[in-house]
Amino acid sequence: MSGPNRLPAETLSPLAERVDAVLALYGYEMAPAIDAIDDAVDGHGGLFGPDTTDGEIRAAIEDVLAGGPPESTAGAEAAGREVVLYVDGSSRGNPGPAGAGAVIIVDETTVATLGRPVGTRADNNIAEYAALQLGLDALAPHDPASVEVRIDSMTVVDAIWGEEGEPIEPYGAAISDHLSALSAHEWTHLVDSDPNPADARATVGADIAALGPG
């Protein structure tokens, strides 16, 4: 397996950058990546343990990265299937620590839960674009029959699928390339009362973006 595909990020602290490197190593599958870091932390601490020092996190991350990439299967079950892709971005303070989340569902079964930090001081729009690229990037190798993107940002919808505004780069170009390669795709706008399983992953991504200065 080749090296991890690091997705573009805004400015992150050195510590958050290293956590993002582990996430990339795991194909941005958040749960196993964080579990790997937690397992490498001495004692009973972990990535978000209140008593875990930045130095302990850094040492654990280097151990995980030295172990090389696992076999990532993010989105593999989507091959040739109809897919629902939930995406969401989160920014505390807007701008502030921001994260992106994406959840891939096939036949009402969750097959991938992805997340990552986006930036130490990034706004919500950037986080939403990063979330959409995160999900589409995971699907790209698997050629799904169709993708329904469920998203709550009309700013992103209007810029990507409509004719209002210009997509934020570098995310816009990659998103357009992914969408043009799909056999079929559509979007559904989520209102505040609609459940969005990607929200929790975006929130953890923002937690990671807040790590540091490390």
C-alpha atoms as a PDB file:
ATOM      1  CA  MET A   1       0.000   0.000   0.000  1.00  0.00           C
ATOM      2  CA  SER A   2       1.389   3.428  -0.924  1.00  0.00           C
ATOM      3  CA  GLY A   3       1.802   6.323   1.516  1.00  0.00           C
ATOM      4  CA  PRO A   4      -1.213   8.076   2.979  1.00  0.00           C
ATOM      5  CA  ASN A   5      -3.123  10.568   0.872  1.00  0.00           C
ATOM      6  CA  ARG A   6      -3.012  13.755   2.962  1.00  0.00           C
ATOM      7  CA  LEU A   7      -5.948  16.007   2.195  1.00  0.00           C
ATOM      8  CA  PRO A   8      -5.437  19.790   2.191  1.00  0.00           C
ATOM      9  CA  ALA A   9      -5.715  21.560   5.544  1.00  0.00           C
ATOM     10  CA  GLU A  10      -5.588  25.106   6.805  1.00  0.00           C
ATOM     11  CA  THR A  11      -3.047  26.101   9.455  1.00  0.00           C
ATOM     12  CA  LEU A  12      -2.780  23.522  12.255  1.00  0.00           C
ATOM     13  CA  SER A  13      -0.544  23.310  15.306  1.00  0.00           C
ATOM     14  CA  PRO A  14       2.390  20.891  14.953  1.00  0.00           C
ATOM     15  CA  LEU A  15       0.606  18.460  17.287  1.00  0.00           C
ATOM     16  CA  ALA A  16      -2.679  18.592  15.358  1.00  0.00           C
ATOM     17  CA  GLU A  17      -0.688  18.141  12.129  1.00  0.00           C
ATOM     18  CA  ARG A  18       0.773  14.903  13.478  1.00  0.00           C
ATOM     19  CA  VAL A  19      -2.643  13.603  14.534  1.00  0.00           C
ATOM     20  CA  ASP A  20      -3.872  14.420  11.022  1.00  0.00           C
ATOM     21  CA  ALA A  21      -0.973  12.371   9.646  1.00  0.00           C
ATOM     22  CA  VAL A  22      -2.196   9.361  11.655  1.00  0.00           C
ATOM     23  CA  LEU A  23      -5.742   9.921  10.388  1.00  0.00           C
ATOM     24  CA  ALA A  24      -4.432   9.996   6.809  1.00  0.00           C
ATOM     25  CA  LEU A  25      -2.517   6.775   7.493  1.00  0.00           C
ATOM     26  CA  TYR A  26      -5.850   5.184   8.450  1.00  0.00           C
ATOM     27  CA  GLY A  27      -7.732   6.604   5.460  1.00  0.00           C
ATOM     28  CA  TYR A  28      -9.316   9.190   7.816  1.00  0.00           C
ATOM     29  CA  GLU A  29     -11.268   6.423   9.548  1.00  0.00           C
ATOM     30  CA  MET A  30     -11.415   8.243  12.838  1.00  0.00           C
ATOM     31  CA  ALA A  31     -12.203   5.485  15.362  1.00  0.00           C
ATOM     32  CA  PRO A  32      -9.332   3.075  14.554  1.00  0.00           C
ATOM     33  CA  ALA A  33      -6.859   5.950  14.178  1.00  0.00           C
ATOM     34  CA  ILE A  34      -7.690   7.361  17.612  1.00  0.00           C
ATOM     35  CA  ASP A  35      -7.735   3.860  19.113  1.00  0.00           C
ATOM     36  CA  ALA A  36      -4.219   3.299  17.747  1.00  0.00           C
ATOM     37  CA  ILE A  37      -2.979   6.517  19.360  1.00  0.00           C
ATOM     38  CA  ASP A  38      -4.706   5.671  22.646  1.00  0.00           C
ATOM     39  CA  ASP A  39      -3.156   2.184  22.669  1.00  0.00           C
ATOM     40  CA  ALA A  40       0.302   3.710  22.166  1.00  0.00           C
ATOM     41  CA  VAL A  41      -0.031   6.146  25.087  1.00  0.00           C
ATOM     42  CA  ASP A  42       1.625   4.815  28.231  1.00  0.00           C
ATOM     43  CA  GLY A  43      -0.640   4.046  31.184  1.00  0.00           C
ATOM     44  CA  HIS A  44      -4.354   4.722  31.033  1.00  0.00           C
ATOM     45  CA  GLY A  45      -4.268   8.020  29.140  1.00  0.00           C
ATOM     46  CA  GLY A  46      -5.229   8.728  25.577  1.00  0.00           C
ATOM     47  CA  LEU A  47      -5.480  11.422  22.945  1.00  0.00           C
ATOM     48  CA  PHE A  48      -8.117  13.349  24.886  1.00  0.00           C
ATOM     49  CA  GLY A  49      -7.165  12.169  28.362  1.00  0.00           C
ATOM     50  CA  PRO A  50      -7.009  15.160  30.715  1.00  0.00           C
ATOM     51  CA  ASP A  51      -3.736  13.916  32.230  1.00  0.00           C
ATOM     52  CA  THR A  52      -2.065  13.040  28.917  1.00  0.00           C
ATOM     53  CA  THR A  53       0.739  15.459  28.117  1.00  0.00           C
ATOM     54  CA  ASP A  54       1.523  16.783  24.647  1.00  0.00           C
ATOM     55  CA  GLY A  55       4.842  14.945  24.845  1.00  0.00           C
ATOM     56  CA  GLU A  56       3.089  11.636  25.512  1.00  0.00           C
ATOM     57  CA  ILE A  57       0.764  12.225  22.568  1.00  0.00           C
ATOM     58  CA  ARG A  58       3.688  13.072  20.286  1.00  0.00           C
ATOM     59  CA  ALA A  59       5.557   9.923  21.312  1.00  0.00           C
ATOM     60  CA  ALA A  60       2.464   7.773  20.743  1.00  0.00           C
ATOM     61  CA  ILE A  61       1.873   9.321  17.325  1.00  0.00           C
ATOM     62  CA  GLU A  62       5.444   8.612  16.230  1.00  0.00           C
ATOM     63  CA  ASP A  63       5.038   4.982  17.329  1.00  0.00           C
ATOM     64  CA  VAL A  64       1.842   4.654  15.281  1.00  0.00           C
ATOM     65  CA  LEU A  65       3.349   6.285  12.211  1.00  0.00           C
ATOM     66  CA  ALA A  66       6.425   4.055  12.443  1.00  0.00           C
ATOM     67  CA  GLY A  67       4.160   1.013  12.286  1.00  0.00           C
ATOM     68  CA  GLY A  68       3.080   1.888   8.745  1.00  0.00           C
ATOM     69  CA  PRO A  69      -0.385   1.965   7.201  1.00  0.00           C
ATOM     70  CA  PRO A  70      -3.042  -0.633   7.992  1.00  0.00           C
ATOM     71  CA  GLU A  71      -5.297  -1.954   5.247  1.00  0.00           C
ATOM     72  CA  SER A  72      -7.943   0.754   4.952  1.00  0.00           C
ATOM     73  CA  THR A  73     -11.354  -0.292   3.612  1.00  0.00           C
ATOM     74  CA  ALA A  74     -13.092   3.087   3.825  1.00  0.00           C
ATOM     75  CA  GLY A  75     -15.892   3.093   1.248  1.00  0.00           C
ATOM     76  CA  ALA A  76     -15.014  -0.292  -0.285  1.00  0.00           C
ATOM     77  CA  GLU A  77     -18.577  -1.570   0.167  1.00  0.00           C
ATOM     78  CA  ALA A  78     -19.780   1.319  -2.015  1.00  0.00           C
ATOM     79  CA  ALA A  79     -18.416  -0.208  -5.224  1.00  0.00           C
ATOM     80  CA  GLY A  80     -21.199  -0.352  -7.794  1.00  0.00           C
ATOM     81  CA  ARG A  81     -23.833   0.529  -5.169  1.00  0.00           C
ATOM     82  CA  GLU A  82     -26.157   3.423  -4.422  1.00  0.00           C
ATOM     83  CA  VAL A  83     -24.543   5.460  -1.666  1.00  0.00           C
ATOM     84  CA  VAL A  84     -25.708   8.071   0.816  1.00  0.00           C
ATOM     85  CA  LEU A  85     -22.914  10.410   1.881  1.00  0.00           C
ATOM     86  CA  TYR A  86     -23.495  12.607   4.935  1.00  0.00           C
ATOM     87  CA  VAL A  87     -21.052  15.489   5.359  1.00  0.00           C
ATOM     88  CA  ASP A  88     -20.696  18.202   7.972  1.00  0.00           C
ATOM     89  CA  GLY A  89     -18.236  20.827   9.120  1.00  0.00           C
ATOM     90  CA  SER A  90     -17.796  22.357  12.556  1.00  0.00           C
ATOM     91  CA  SER A  91     -16.021  25.562  13.573  1.00  0.00           C
ATOM     92  CA  ARG A  92     -15.872  26.860  17.121  1.00  0.00           C
ATOM     93  CA  GLY A  93     -15.935  30.612  17.056  1.00  0.00           C
ATOM     94  CA  ASN A  94     -16.267  30.730  13.253  1.00  0.00           C
ATOM     95  CA  PRO A  95     -13.358  31.157  12.722  1.00  0.00           C
ATOM     96  CA  GLY A  96     -11.840  28.856  15.300  1.00  0.00           C
ATOM     97  CA  PRO A  97     -10.748  25.238  15.686  1.00  0.00           C
ATOM     98  CA  ALA A  98     -12.561  23.451  12.862  1.00  0.00           C
ATOM     99  CA  GLY A  99     -13.172  19.863  11.869  1.00  0.00           C
ATOM    100  CA  ALA A 100     -14.791  17.915   9.047  1.00  0.00           C
ATOM    101  CA  GLY A 101     -16.830  14.724   9.151  1.00  0.00           C
ATOM    102  CA  ALA A 102     -18.235  12.316   6.563  1.00  0.00           C
ATOM    103  CA  VAL A 103     -20.288   9.146   6.917  1.00  0.00           C
ATOM    104  CA  ILE A 104     -20.835   6.685   4.066  1.00  0.00           C
ATOM    105  CA  ILE A 105     -24.007   4.580   4.113  1.00  0.00           C
ATOM    106  CA  VAL A 106     -24.888   1.689   1.785  1.00  0.00           C
ATOM    107  CA  ASP A 107     -28.260  -0.076   2.045  1.00  0.00           C
ATOM    108  CA  GLU A 108     -28.948   1.749   5.324  1.00  0.00           C
ATOM    109  CA  THR A 109     -25.719   0.351   6.796  1.00  0.00           C
ATOM    110  CA  THR A 110     -22.858   2.636   7.824  1.00  0.00           C
ATOM    111  CA  VAL A 111     -19.705   1.456   6.068  1.00  0.00           C
ATOM    112  CA  ALA A 112     -17.284   4.300   6.888  1.00  0.00           C
ATOM    113  CA  THR A 113     -17.077   7.079   9.475  1.00  0.00           C
ATOM    114  CA  LEU A 114     -14.448   9.649   8.616  1.00  0.00           C
ATOM    115  CA  GLY A 115     -13.161  12.748  10.327  1.00  0.00           C
ATOM    116  CA  ARG A 116     -10.245  15.143  10.473  1.00  0.00           C
ATOM    117  CA  PRO A 117      -9.082  18.543  11.737  1.00  0.00           C
ATOM    118  CA  VAL A 118      -9.338  21.354   9.204  1.00  0.00           C
ATOM    119  CA  GLY A 119      -7.651  24.339  10.812  1.00  0.00           C
ATOM    120  CA  THR A 120      -6.856  26.131  14.047  1.00  0.00           C
ATOM    121  CA  ARG A 121      -8.725  29.230  12.887  1.00  0.00           C
ATOM    122  CA  ALA A 122     -10.943  28.168   9.991  1.00  0.00           C
ATOM    123  CA  ASP A 123     -14.514  29.222   9.315  1.00  0.00           C
ATOM    124  CA  ASN A 124     -17.518  26.960   8.938  1.00  0.00           C
ATOM    125  CA  ASN A 125     -17.643  27.222   5.132  1.00  0.00           C
ATOM    126  CA  ILE A 126     -14.091  25.907   4.801  1.00  0.00           C
ATOM    127  CA  ALA A 127     -14.957  23.051   7.164  1.00  0.00           C
ATOM    128  CA  GLU A 128     -18.015  22.163   5.053  1.00  0.00           C
ATOM    129  CA  TYR A 129     -15.949  22.078   1.852  1.00  0.00           C
ATOM    130  CA  ALA A 130     -13.306  19.945   3.574  1.00  0.00           C
ATOM    131  CA  ALA A 131     -16.014  17.523   4.736  1.00  0.00           C
ATOM    132  CA  LEU A 132     -17.384  17.121   1.219  1.00  0.00           C
ATOM    133  CA  GLN A 133     -13.915  16.484  -0.195  1.00  0.00           C
ATOM    134  CA  LEU A 134     -13.208  14.031   2.633  1.00  0.00           C
ATOM    135  CA  GLY A 135     -16.219  11.890   1.767  1.00  0.00           C
ATOM    136  CA  LEU A 136     -15.797  12.042  -1.993  1.00  0.00           C
ATOM    137  CA  ASP A 137     -12.104  11.248  -1.741  1.00  0.00           C
ATOM    138  CA  ALA A 138     -12.912   8.054   0.175  1.00  0.00           C
ATOM    139  CA  LEU A 139     -15.470   7.007  -2.441  1.00  0.00           C
ATOM    140  CA  ALA A 140     -13.385   7.839  -5.512  1.00  0.00           C
ATOM    141  CA  PRO A 141     -11.445   4.539  -5.770  1.00  0.00           C
ATOM    142  CA  HIS A 142     -14.610   2.439  -5.513  1.00  0.00           C
ATOM    143  CA  ASP A 143     -16.830   3.745  -8.352  1.00  0.00           C
ATOM    144  CA  PRO A 144     -20.274   3.769  -6.710  1.00  0.00           C
ATOM    145  CA  ALA A 145     -23.313   3.571  -8.977  1.00  0.00           C
ATOM    146  CA  SER A 146     -24.684   6.825  -7.538  1.00  0.00           C
ATOM    147  CA  VAL A 147     -24.103   9.160  -4.609  1.00  0.00           C
ATOM    148  CA  GLU A 148     -26.650  11.220  -2.730  1.00  0.00           C
ATOM    149  CA  VAL A 149     -24.846  13.915  -0.743  1.00  0.00           C
ATOM    150  CA  ARG A 150     -26.737  15.010   2.361  1.00  0.00           C
ATOM    151  CA  ILE A 151     -25.451  18.376   3.509  1.00  0.00           C
ATOM    152  CA  ASP A 152     -26.690  21.312   5.575  1.00  0.00           C
ATOM    153  CA  SER A 153     -24.618  24.076   3.945  1.00  0.00           C
ATOM    154  CA  MET A 154     -26.519  25.862   1.190  1.00  0.00           C
ATOM    155  CA  THR A 155     -23.413  27.996   0.645  1.00  0.00           C
ATOM    156  CA  VAL A 156     -21.552  24.912  -0.534  1.00  0.00           C
ATOM    157  CA  VAL A 157     -24.556  23.567  -2.443  1.00  0.00           C
ATOM    158  CA  ASP A 158     -25.006  26.837  -4.333  1.00  0.00           C
ATOM    159  CA  ALA A 159     -21.317  27.079  -5.188  1.00  0.00           C
ATOM    160  CA  ILE A 160     -20.842  23.430  -6.235  1.00  0.00           C
ATOM    161  CA  TRP A 161     -24.185  22.547  -7.817  1.00  0.00           C
ATOM    162  CA  GLY A 162     -25.628  25.999  -8.528  1.00  0.00           C
ATOM    163  CA  GLU A 163     -24.377  29.184 -10.068  1.00  0.00           C
ATOM    164  CA  GLU A 164     -23.928  31.327  -6.980  1.00  0.00           C
ATOM    165  CA  GLY A 165     -20.436  32.123  -5.761  1.00  0.00           C
ATOM    166  CA  GLU A 166     -17.092  30.503  -6.414  1.00  0.00           C
ATOM    167  CA  PRO A 167     -16.051  27.343  -4.578  1.00  0.00           C
ATOM    168  CA  ILE A 168     -13.259  27.826  -2.047  1.00  0.00           C
ATOM    169  CA  GLU A 169      -9.948  26.465  -3.277  1.00  0.00           C
ATOM    170  CA  PRO A 170      -8.184  24.105  -3.079  1.00  0.00           C
ATOM    171  CA  TYR A 171     -11.300  22.136  -2.153  1.00  0.00           C
ATOM    172  CA  GLY A 172     -13.524  23.244  -5.030  1.00  0.00           C
ATOM    173  CA  ALA A 173     -11.392  21.824  -7.837  1.00  0.00           C
ATOM    174  CA  ALA A 174     -10.991  18.422  -6.163  1.00  0.00           C
ATOM    175  CA  ILE A 175     -14.720  18.235  -5.385  1.00  0.00           C
ATOM    176  CA  SER A 176     -15.632  19.081  -8.980  1.00  0.00           C
ATOM    177  CA  ASP A 177     -13.230  16.436 -10.292  1.00  0.00           C
ATOM    178  CA  HIS A 178     -14.720  13.792  -7.992  1.00  0.00           C
ATOM    179  CA  LEU A 179     -18.306  14.671  -8.910  1.00  0.00           C
ATOM    180  CA  SER A 180     -17.587  14.689 -12.648  1.00  0.00           C
ATOM    181  CA  ALA A 181     -16.136  11.182 -12.339  1.00  0.00           C
ATOM    182  CA  LEU A 182     -19.282   9.775 -10.709  1.00  0.00           C
ATOM    183  CA  SER A 183     -21.882   7.988 -12.820  1.00  0.00           C
ATOM    184  CA  ALA A 184     -24.669   9.885 -11.014  1.00  0.00           C
ATOM    185  CA  HIS A 185     -24.952  12.212  -8.050  1.00  0.00           C
ATOM    186  CA  GLU A 186     -27.461  14.495  -6.361  1.00  0.00           C
ATOM    187  CA  TRP A 187     -27.695  16.540  -3.196  1.00  0.00           C
ATOM    188  CA  THR A 188     -30.238  16.792  -0.404  1.00  0.00           C
ATOM    189  CA  HIS A 189     -30.309  19.776   1.925  1.00  0.00           C
ATOM    190  CA  LEU A 190     -30.520  18.936   5.626  1.00  0.00           C
ATOM    191  CA  VAL A 191     -32.332  21.329   7.923  1.00  0.00           C
ATOM    192  CA  ASP A 192     -31.371  21.763  11.565  1.00  0.00           C
ATOM    193  CA  SER A 193     -33.880  19.157  12.752  1.00  0.00           C
ATOM    194  CA  ASP A 194     -32.566  16.468  10.377  1.00  0.00           C
ATOM    195  CA  PRO A 195     -30.130  13.969  11.888  1.00  0.00           C
ATOM    196  CA  ASN A 196     -26.617  14.147  10.506  1.00  0.00           C
ATOM    197  CA  PRO A 197     -24.261  11.387  11.710  1.00  0.00           C
ATOM    198  CA  ALA A 198     -21.285  13.303  10.283  1.00  0.00           C
ATOM    199  CA  ASP A 199     -21.746  16.026  12.903  1.00  0.00           C
ATOM    200  CA  ALA A 200     -20.124  14.025  15.708  1.00  0.00           C
ATOM    201  CA  ARG A 201     -17.039  13.323  13.564  1.00  0.00           C
ATOM    202  CA  ALA A 202     -16.709  16.996  12.654  1.00  0.00           C
ATOM    203  CA  THR A 203     -16.881  17.866  16.350  1.00  0.00           C
ATOM    204  CA  VAL A 204     -14.033  15.467  17.168  1.00  0.00           C
ATOM    205  CA  GLY A 205     -12.104  16.931  14.240  1.00  0.00           C
ATOM    206  CA  ALA A 206     -12.484  20.360  15.842  1.00  0.00           C
ATOM    207  CA  ASP A 207     -11.259  18.864  19.150  1.00  0.00           C
ATOM    208  CA  ILE A 208      -8.126  17.680  17.350  1.00  0.00           C
ATOM    209  CA  ALA A 209      -7.656  21.067  15.680  1.00  0.00           C
ATOM    210  CA  ALA A 210      -7.661  22.642  19.144  1.00  0.00           C
ATOM    211  CA  LEU A 211      -4.742  20.479  20.322  1.00  0.00           C
ATOM    212  CA  GLY A 212      -1.434  22.162  20.834  1.00  0.00           C
ATOM    213  CA  PRO A 213       0.603  24.233  20.681  1.00  0.00           C
ATOM    214  CA  GLY A 214       2.471  20.922  20.874  1.00  0.00           C
END
